[in-house]
């Protein structure tokens, strides 16, 4: 079963904006986890890379797919930091990780 490209684009954009917001919250230390600033920085950089790929990079200097791959990799690395701790039972972390893998 194939997902229509408009729906996929909408999901992709929503995921990038969600990761941007959550990454900013974690990076600022708003969440009470000792690894949140590191995780948040990775997620924030990943989300910015995803949004940069949506705008076609730096005027075509680099391929948008390179930015997307980097973005998903950074987001998954940030989620991996949290999942590798006792917070690994969080359904939200696993759901976002699954969404990133599906959308990548």
C-alpha atoms as a PDB file:
ATOM      1  CA  UNK A   1       0.000   0.000   0.000  1.00  0.00           C
ATOM      2  CA  UNK A   2       1.436   3.338  -0.960  1.00  0.00           C
ATOM      3  CA  UNK A   3       0.939   6.577   0.920  1.00  0.00           C
ATOM      4  CA  UNK A   4      -0.142   9.577  -1.199  1.00  0.00           C
ATOM      5  CA  UNK A   5       2.702  12.080  -1.571  1.00  0.00           C
ATOM      6  CA  UNK A   6       0.656  14.990  -0.171  1.00  0.00           C
ATOM      7  CA  UNK A   7      -0.111  13.051   2.985  1.00  0.00           C
ATOM      8  CA  UNK A   8       3.518  11.990   3.266  1.00  0.00           C
ATOM      9  CA  UNK A   9       4.672  15.592   2.887  1.00  0.00           C
ATOM     10  CA  UNK A  10       2.215  16.723   5.556  1.00  0.00           C
ATOM     11  CA  UNK A  11       3.370  13.994   7.955  1.00  0.00           C
ATOM     12  CA  UNK A  12       6.998  14.790   7.218  1.00  0.00           C
ATOM     13  CA  UNK A  13       6.511  18.520   7.923  1.00  0.00           C
ATOM     14  CA  UNK A  14       4.542  17.863  11.104  1.00  0.00           C
ATOM     15  CA  UNK A  15       7.261  15.503  12.322  1.00  0.00           C
ATOM     16  CA  UNK A  16       9.991  18.088  11.631  1.00  0.00           C
ATOM     17  CA  UNK A  17       8.085  20.823  13.487  1.00  0.00           C
ATOM     18  CA  UNK A  18       7.345  18.480  16.411  1.00  0.00           C
ATOM     19  CA  UNK A  19      11.015  17.503  16.662  1.00  0.00           C
ATOM     20  CA  UNK A  20      11.996  21.183  16.492  1.00  0.00           C
ATOM     21  CA  UNK A  21       9.709  22.089  19.406  1.00  0.00           C
ATOM     22  CA  UNK A  22      10.609  19.114  21.572  1.00  0.00           C
ATOM     23  CA  UNK A  23      14.305  19.499  20.777  1.00  0.00           C
ATOM     24  CA  UNK A  24      14.217  23.162  21.805  1.00  0.00           C
ATOM     25  CA  UNK A  25      12.451  22.288  25.078  1.00  0.00           C
ATOM     26  CA  UNK A  26      14.946  19.556  25.903  1.00  0.00           C
ATOM     27  CA  UNK A  27      17.979  21.638  24.895  1.00  0.00           C
ATOM     28  CA  UNK A  28      16.838  24.485  27.147  1.00  0.00           C
ATOM     29  CA  UNK A  29      16.654  22.104  30.109  1.00  0.00           C
ATOM     30  CA  UNK A  30      12.867  22.266  30.468  1.00  0.00           C
ATOM     31  CA  UNK A  31      12.584  18.510  30.972  1.00  0.00           C
ATOM     32  CA  UNK A  32      13.844  16.867  34.155  1.00  0.00           C
ATOM     33  CA  UNK A  33      16.177  14.297  32.651  1.00  0.00           C
ATOM     34  CA  UNK A  34      19.932  14.602  33.061  1.00  0.00           C
ATOM     35  CA  UNK A  35      20.564  13.763  29.385  1.00  0.00           C
ATOM     36  CA  UNK A  36      17.830  16.042  28.023  1.00  0.00           C
ATOM     37  CA  UNK A  37      20.166  18.879  26.976  1.00  0.00           C
ATOM     38  CA  UNK A  38      22.301  16.521  24.872  1.00  0.00           C
ATOM     39  CA  UNK A  39      19.280  14.766  23.411  1.00  0.00           C
ATOM     40  CA  UNK A  40      17.569  18.091  22.759  1.00  0.00           C
ATOM     41  CA  UNK A  41      20.579  19.496  20.941  1.00  0.00           C
ATOM     42  CA  UNK A  42      20.707  16.458  18.643  1.00  0.00           C
ATOM     43  CA  UNK A  43      16.961  16.610  17.984  1.00  0.00           C
ATOM     44  CA  UNK A  44      17.066  20.376  17.419  1.00  0.00           C
ATOM     45  CA  UNK A  45      19.922  20.104  14.912  1.00  0.00           C
ATOM     46  CA  UNK A  46      18.146  17.191  13.228  1.00  0.00           C
ATOM     47  CA  UNK A  47      14.882  19.099  12.918  1.00  0.00           C
ATOM     48  CA  UNK A  48      16.675  22.151  11.528  1.00  0.00           C
ATOM     49  CA  UNK A  49      18.363  19.905   8.981  1.00  0.00           C
ATOM     50  CA  UNK A  50      14.985  18.420   8.026  1.00  0.00           C
ATOM     51  CA  UNK A  51      13.495  21.888   7.564  1.00  0.00           C
ATOM     52  CA  UNK A  52      16.552  22.929   5.566  1.00  0.00           C
ATOM     53  CA  UNK A  53      16.011  19.983   3.252  1.00  0.00           C
ATOM     54  CA  UNK A  54      12.428  21.149   2.725  1.00  0.00           C
ATOM     55  CA  UNK A  55      13.708  24.509   1.512  1.00  0.00           C
ATOM     56  CA  UNK A  56      16.059  22.746  -0.898  1.00  0.00           C
ATOM     57  CA  UNK A  57      19.270  23.375   1.026  1.00  0.00           C
ATOM     58  CA  UNK A  58      21.503  26.361   0.463  1.00  0.00           C
ATOM     59  CA  UNK A  59      20.230  27.429  -2.921  1.00  0.00           C
ATOM     60  CA  UNK A  60      20.935  24.062  -4.501  1.00  0.00           C
ATOM     61  CA  UNK A  61      24.529  23.864  -3.203  1.00  0.00           C
ATOM     62  CA  UNK A  62      23.812  20.546  -1.541  1.00  0.00           C
ATOM     63  CA  UNK A  63      21.242  17.865  -2.201  1.00  0.00           C
ATOM     64  CA  UNK A  64      18.069  18.113  -0.074  1.00  0.00           C
ATOM     65  CA  UNK A  65      18.193  14.353   0.457  1.00  0.00           C
ATOM     66  CA  UNK A  66      21.580  14.774   2.168  1.00  0.00           C
ATOM     67  CA  UNK A  67      20.050  17.199   4.656  1.00  0.00           C
ATOM     68  CA  UNK A  68      17.079  14.881   5.194  1.00  0.00           C
ATOM     69  CA  UNK A  69      19.333  11.891   5.872  1.00  0.00           C
ATOM     70  CA  UNK A  70      21.433  13.925   8.295  1.00  0.00           C
ATOM     71  CA  UNK A  71      18.290  15.257   9.979  1.00  0.00           C
ATOM     72  CA  UNK A  72      16.718  11.846  10.537  1.00  0.00           C
ATOM     73  CA  UNK A  73      20.051  10.466  11.716  1.00  0.00           C
ATOM     74  CA  UNK A  74      20.467  13.240  14.298  1.00  0.00           C
ATOM     75  CA  UNK A  75      16.854  12.916  15.487  1.00  0.00           C
ATOM     76  CA  UNK A  76      17.232   9.165  15.907  1.00  0.00           C
ATOM     77  CA  UNK A  77      20.552   9.624  17.718  1.00  0.00           C
ATOM     78  CA  UNK A  78      18.875  12.028  20.143  1.00  0.00           C
ATOM     79  CA  UNK A  79      15.989   9.633  20.706  1.00  0.00           C
ATOM     80  CA  UNK A  80      18.477   6.793  21.127  1.00  0.00           C
ATOM     81  CA  UNK A  81      20.155   8.674  23.964  1.00  0.00           C
ATOM     82  CA  UNK A  82      16.851   8.855  25.849  1.00  0.00           C
ATOM     83  CA  UNK A  83      15.721   5.332  24.948  1.00  0.00           C
ATOM     84  CA  UNK A  84      19.018   3.914  26.256  1.00  0.00           C
ATOM     85  CA  UNK A  85      18.229   5.235  29.755  1.00  0.00           C
ATOM     86  CA  UNK A  86      15.592   4.081  32.272  1.00  0.00           C
ATOM     87  CA  UNK A  87      13.114   6.365  30.429  1.00  0.00           C
ATOM     88  CA  UNK A  88      13.083   3.754  27.639  1.00  0.00           C
ATOM     89  CA  UNK A  89       9.565   2.732  28.673  1.00  0.00           C
ATOM     90  CA  UNK A  90       8.189   6.011  27.321  1.00  0.00           C
ATOM     91  CA  UNK A  91       5.681   5.245  24.578  1.00  0.00           C
ATOM     92  CA  UNK A  92       6.165   8.743  23.147  1.00  0.00           C
ATOM     93  CA  UNK A  93       9.906   8.222  22.550  1.00  0.00           C
ATOM     94  CA  UNK A  94       9.290   4.900  20.798  1.00  0.00           C
ATOM     95  CA  UNK A  95       6.433   6.332  18.713  1.00  0.00           C
ATOM     96  CA  UNK A  96       8.537   9.279  17.547  1.00  0.00           C
ATOM     97  CA  UNK A  97      11.464   6.959  16.776  1.00  0.00           C
ATOM     98  CA  UNK A  98       9.154   4.728  14.721  1.00  0.00           C
ATOM     99  CA  UNK A  99       7.753   7.767  12.881  1.00  0.00           C
ATOM    100  CA  UNK A 100      11.266   8.947  12.050  1.00  0.00           C
ATOM    101  CA  UNK A 101      12.230   5.533  10.717  1.00  0.00           C
ATOM    102  CA  UNK A 102       9.005   5.326   8.680  1.00  0.00           C
ATOM    103  CA  UNK A 103       9.400   8.806   7.204  1.00  0.00           C
ATOM    104  CA  UNK A 104      13.113   8.524   6.433  1.00  0.00           C
END
